Amino acid sequence: MHEYTSSARAWGLSCPGFPVEVSRARRWTRDILRGSPLAEDAELIVSELSANAILHTASGREYGSFHLAVAVSAQVVAVSVTDDGGTGTAPKVEHQDQDAEHGRGLGMVSVIAHRVVVPESDQGHTVTAELYADAWQGGHPC
């Protein structure tokens, strides 16, 4: 938790759907969570979810974008990526074979995160991954 706050804080970032924006999203997340024991996991999750948005949805098309949110409290760090939709199916967690070239990303996120939520939507999809502070010994996320 930040020194001068006692409640949850949230940040948002909108990115054009260019591959270079995935690294920008990672850096932004790392900056917000600097010093947190959950920062590396959150950064990896943001990287995977942002790349998925660009590769598998309208976010990666001309004029596409994806939107990132990071919420931090003493108990949880939640990262959400919302894509522009344009696919017939919602993202789903699949546990693929280790040698599979595709379809492993959301499964990997589900292993790192304590909870992954993908609500039903007719528009763009939001994937939220939560990391719990009590999984780390004696620490708050920020």
Protein backbone atom coordinates (compact mmCIF):
# COMPACT_ATOMS: atom_id res chain seq x y z
CA MET A 1 0.00 0.00 0.00
CA HIS A 2 1.24 3.48 -0.66
CA GLU A 3 2.50 5.43 2.31
CA TYR A 4 -0.19 8.12 2.28
CA THR A 5 -3.24 6.04 1.49
CA SER A 6 -5.23 3.57 3.49
CA SER A 7 -7.60 2.26 0.83
CA ALA A 8 -7.42 0.64 -2.57
CA ARG A 9 -5.96 2.61 -5.47
CA ALA A 10 -6.58 2.06 -9.17
CA TRP A 11 -4.80 3.13 -12.34
CA GLY A 12 -5.80 2.85 -15.98
CA LEU A 13 -3.93 2.95 -19.29
CA SER A 14 -5.22 2.77 -22.87
CA CYS A 15 -2.81 1.55 -25.53
CA PRO A 16 -2.99 1.38 -29.31
CA GLY A 17 -3.02 -2.22 -30.54
CA PHE A 18 0.63 -2.31 -31.62
CA PRO A 19 2.98 -5.06 -30.39
CA VAL A 20 5.40 -2.47 -28.96
CA GLU A 21 2.63 -1.41 -26.56
CA VAL A 22 2.93 -4.72 -24.71
CA SER A 23 6.33 -3.68 -23.38
CA ARG A 24 4.91 -0.26 -22.48
CA ALA A 25 2.12 -1.96 -20.50
CA ARG A 26 4.72 -4.09 -18.69
CA ARG A 27 6.85 -1.06 -17.77
CA TRP A 28 3.79 0.86 -16.59
CA THR A 29 2.74 -2.04 -14.36
CA ARG A 30 6.28 -2.44 -13.01
CA ASP A 31 6.40 1.29 -12.16
CA ILE A 32 3.09 1.16 -10.28
CA LEU A 33 4.08 -1.94 -8.31
CA ARG A 34 7.71 -0.99 -7.66
CA GLY A 35 8.83 -2.63 -4.43
CA SER A 36 5.94 -5.08 -4.28
CA PRO A 37 6.70 -8.80 -4.02
CA LEU A 38 3.86 -9.29 -6.53
CA ALA A 39 5.33 -6.97 -9.19
CA GLU A 40 7.07 -9.62 -11.31
CA ASP A 41 4.03 -11.88 -11.44
CA ALA A 42 1.74 -8.96 -12.28
CA GLU A 43 4.12 -7.81 -15.00
CA LEU A 44 4.18 -11.27 -16.58
CA ILE A 45 0.38 -11.49 -16.46
CA VAL A 46 -0.01 -8.05 -18.06
CA SER A 47 2.41 -9.04 -20.79
CA GLU A 48 0.48 -12.21 -21.61
CA LEU A 49 -2.98 -10.64 -21.48
CA SER A 50 -1.92 -7.63 -23.56
CA ALA A 51 -0.28 -9.83 -26.20
CA ASN A 52 -3.40 -12.00 -26.33
CA ALA A 53 -5.57 -8.92 -26.89
CA ILE A 54 -3.43 -7.81 -29.83
CA LEU A 55 -3.02 -11.25 -31.38
CA HIS A 56 -6.51 -12.68 -30.99
CA THR A 57 -9.00 -9.77 -31.08
CA ALA A 58 -9.86 -6.59 -32.94
CA SER A 59 -7.44 -4.78 -30.63
CA GLY A 60 -4.62 -5.74 -33.02
CA ARG A 61 -6.39 -4.42 -36.10
CA GLU A 62 -6.10 -0.94 -37.56
CA TYR A 63 -7.34 1.60 -34.99
CA GLY A 64 -7.60 -1.14 -32.37
CA SER A 65 -6.61 -0.68 -28.75
CA PHE A 66 -6.54 -2.45 -25.43
CA HIS A 67 -7.10 -1.09 -21.97
CA LEU A 68 -5.23 -1.97 -18.82
CA ALA A 69 -6.26 -1.45 -15.20
CA VAL A 70 -4.26 -2.11 -12.06
CA ALA A 71 -5.94 -2.01 -8.65
CA VAL A 72 -3.94 -2.32 -5.45
CA SER A 73 -5.09 -2.83 -1.88
CA ALA A 74 -3.39 -4.27 1.18
CA GLN A 75 -4.86 -7.68 0.31
CA VAL A 76 -4.80 -7.94 -3.48
CA VAL A 77 -3.28 -6.72 -6.72
CA ALA A 78 -5.74 -7.05 -9.59
CA VAL A 79 -4.73 -6.52 -13.20
CA SER A 80 -7.32 -6.36 -15.97
CA VAL A 81 -6.94 -6.16 -19.72
CA THR A 82 -9.93 -5.29 -21.88
CA ASP A 83 -9.78 -5.97 -25.61
CA ASP A 84 -11.87 -4.63 -28.50
CA GLY A 85 -13.67 -7.95 -29.04
CA GLY A 86 -14.34 -9.02 -32.60
CA THR A 87 -14.10 -12.73 -31.91
CA GLY A 88 -16.97 -15.15 -31.64
CA THR A 89 -15.79 -16.64 -28.36
CA ALA A 90 -14.65 -15.32 -25.00
CA PRO A 91 -11.14 -16.03 -23.76
CA LYS A 92 -11.02 -19.24 -21.76
CA VAL A 93 -8.46 -20.96 -19.61
CA GLU A 94 -7.10 -24.05 -21.32
CA HIS A 95 -4.33 -26.22 -19.99
CA GLN A 96 -2.48 -27.27 -23.13
CA ASP A 97 0.36 -29.71 -23.58
CA GLN A 98 3.72 -28.23 -22.66
CA ASP A 99 4.87 -28.49 -26.29
CA ALA A 100 1.81 -26.71 -27.73
CA GLU A 101 2.69 -23.56 -29.66
CA HIS A 102 -0.63 -21.80 -29.00
CA GLY A 103 -3.34 -21.74 -26.35
CA ARG A 104 -1.10 -21.88 -23.29
CA GLY A 105 -1.15 -18.19 -22.28
CA LEU A 106 -4.34 -17.98 -20.25
CA GLY A 107 -3.54 -21.34 -18.67
CA MET A 108 -0.17 -19.94 -17.59
CA VAL A 109 -1.89 -16.84 -16.17
CA SER A 110 -4.25 -19.09 -14.19
CA VAL A 111 -1.26 -20.88 -12.65
CA ILE A 112 0.45 -17.62 -11.60
CA ALA A 113 -2.67 -15.78 -10.41
CA HIS A 114 -4.75 -16.82 -7.43
CA ARG A 115 -7.94 -16.14 -9.38
CA VAL A 116 -8.76 -15.37 -13.03
CA VAL A 117 -12.14 -13.91 -13.98
CA VAL A 118 -13.51 -13.63 -17.54
CA PRO A 119 -17.07 -12.28 -17.40
CA GLU A 120 -19.49 -12.85 -20.30
CA SER A 121 -19.67 -9.92 -22.71
CA ASP A 122 -21.18 -9.10 -26.09
CA GLN A 123 -18.52 -6.45 -26.69
CA GLY A 124 -14.83 -6.50 -25.81
CA HIS A 125 -13.65 -8.99 -23.21
CA THR A 126 -12.02 -8.20 -19.90
CA VAL A 127 -9.71 -10.68 -18.25
CA THR A 128 -8.89 -9.95 -14.61
CA ALA A 129 -6.16 -11.75 -12.71
CA GLU A 130 -5.88 -11.38 -8.96
CA LEU A 131 -2.77 -11.89 -6.87
CA TYR A 132 -3.27 -12.17 -3.10
CA ALA A 133 -0.82 -10.59 -0.68
CA ASP A 134 -1.32 -13.24 2.00
CA ALA A 135 0.36 -15.74 -0.30
CA TRP A 136 3.59 -13.85 0.43
CA GLN A 137 5.01 -14.04 3.92
CA GLY A 138 4.44 -10.92 5.96
CA GLY A 139 3.90 -8.53 3.11
CA HIS A 140 1.53 -6.06 1.62
CA PRO A 141 1.49 -5.74 -2.18
CA CYS A 142 2.65 -2.13 -2.04
